[in-house]
Protein backbone atom coordinates (compact mmCIF):
# COMPACT_ATOMS: atom_id res chain seq x y z
CA UNK A 1 -11.39 94.30 -6.25
CA UNK A 2 -7.88 95.08 -7.34
CA UNK A 3 -7.44 96.97 -10.64
CA UNK A 4 -4.49 95.30 -12.40
CA UNK A 5 -2.38 97.70 -14.37
CA UNK A 6 0.32 95.17 -15.32
CA UNK A 7 -0.28 91.66 -16.56
CA UNK A 8 2.98 89.61 -16.35
CA UNK A 9 1.58 86.70 -18.42
CA UNK A 10 0.49 89.02 -21.19
CA UNK A 11 3.83 90.83 -21.12
CA UNK A 12 5.77 87.57 -21.45
CA UNK A 13 3.40 86.41 -24.27
CA UNK A 14 4.04 89.62 -26.23
CA UNK A 15 7.81 89.17 -25.82
CA UNK A 16 7.68 85.56 -27.03
CA UNK A 17 5.53 86.47 -29.96
CA UNK A 18 7.97 89.25 -30.91
CA UNK A 19 10.89 86.83 -30.83
CA UNK A 20 9.04 84.16 -32.85
CA UNK A 21 8.19 86.82 -35.41
CA UNK A 22 11.81 88.00 -35.56
CA UNK A 23 12.89 84.38 -36.12
CA UNK A 24 10.28 83.98 -38.98
CA UNK A 25 8.61 81.16 -36.96
CA UNK A 26 11.73 79.01 -37.44
CA UNK A 27 12.84 77.06 -34.35
CA UNK A 28 16.50 77.04 -35.22
CA UNK A 29 16.55 80.73 -35.91
CA UNK A 30 14.66 81.32 -32.66
CA UNK A 31 17.30 79.42 -30.69
CA UNK A 32 20.08 81.38 -32.40
CA UNK A 33 18.28 84.72 -31.75
CA UNK A 34 17.80 83.90 -28.10
CA UNK A 35 21.46 82.91 -27.74
CA UNK A 36 22.49 86.20 -29.41
CA UNK A 37 20.22 88.23 -27.16
CA UNK A 38 21.49 86.38 -24.05
CA UNK A 39 25.03 87.37 -24.79
CA UNK A 40 24.16 91.05 -24.69
CA UNK A 41 21.69 90.82 -21.77
CA UNK A 42 22.86 92.88 -18.81
CA UNK A 43 21.09 90.61 -16.41
CA UNK A 44 22.75 87.52 -17.91
CA UNK A 45 26.17 89.08 -17.87
CA UNK A 46 25.79 90.07 -14.22
CA UNK A 47 24.62 86.57 -13.23
CA UNK A 48 27.45 84.98 -15.23
CA UNK A 49 29.95 87.29 -13.49
CA UNK A 50 28.55 86.47 -10.09
CA UNK A 51 28.73 82.75 -10.70
CA UNK A 52 32.29 83.01 -11.90
CA UNK A 53 33.22 84.87 -8.74
CA UNK A 54 31.59 82.20 -6.59
CA UNK A 55 33.39 79.46 -8.34
CA UNK A 56 36.70 81.25 -7.81
CA UNK A 57 35.98 81.82 -4.14
CA UNK A 58 35.17 78.10 -3.61
CA UNK A 59 38.51 76.88 -5.05
């Protein structure tokens, strides 16, 4: 039997719970919070940059 040291589902659940808590369980605040976090996310910025380069290359 494999001994799991990392549980992805539990990890995602904790992150979601943290965001909901930060937004005071308010859906509109949660959406605004996620938009704000997205704008500073290194992964999001890299993906956005790659997509822009692909669009320029296809023109």
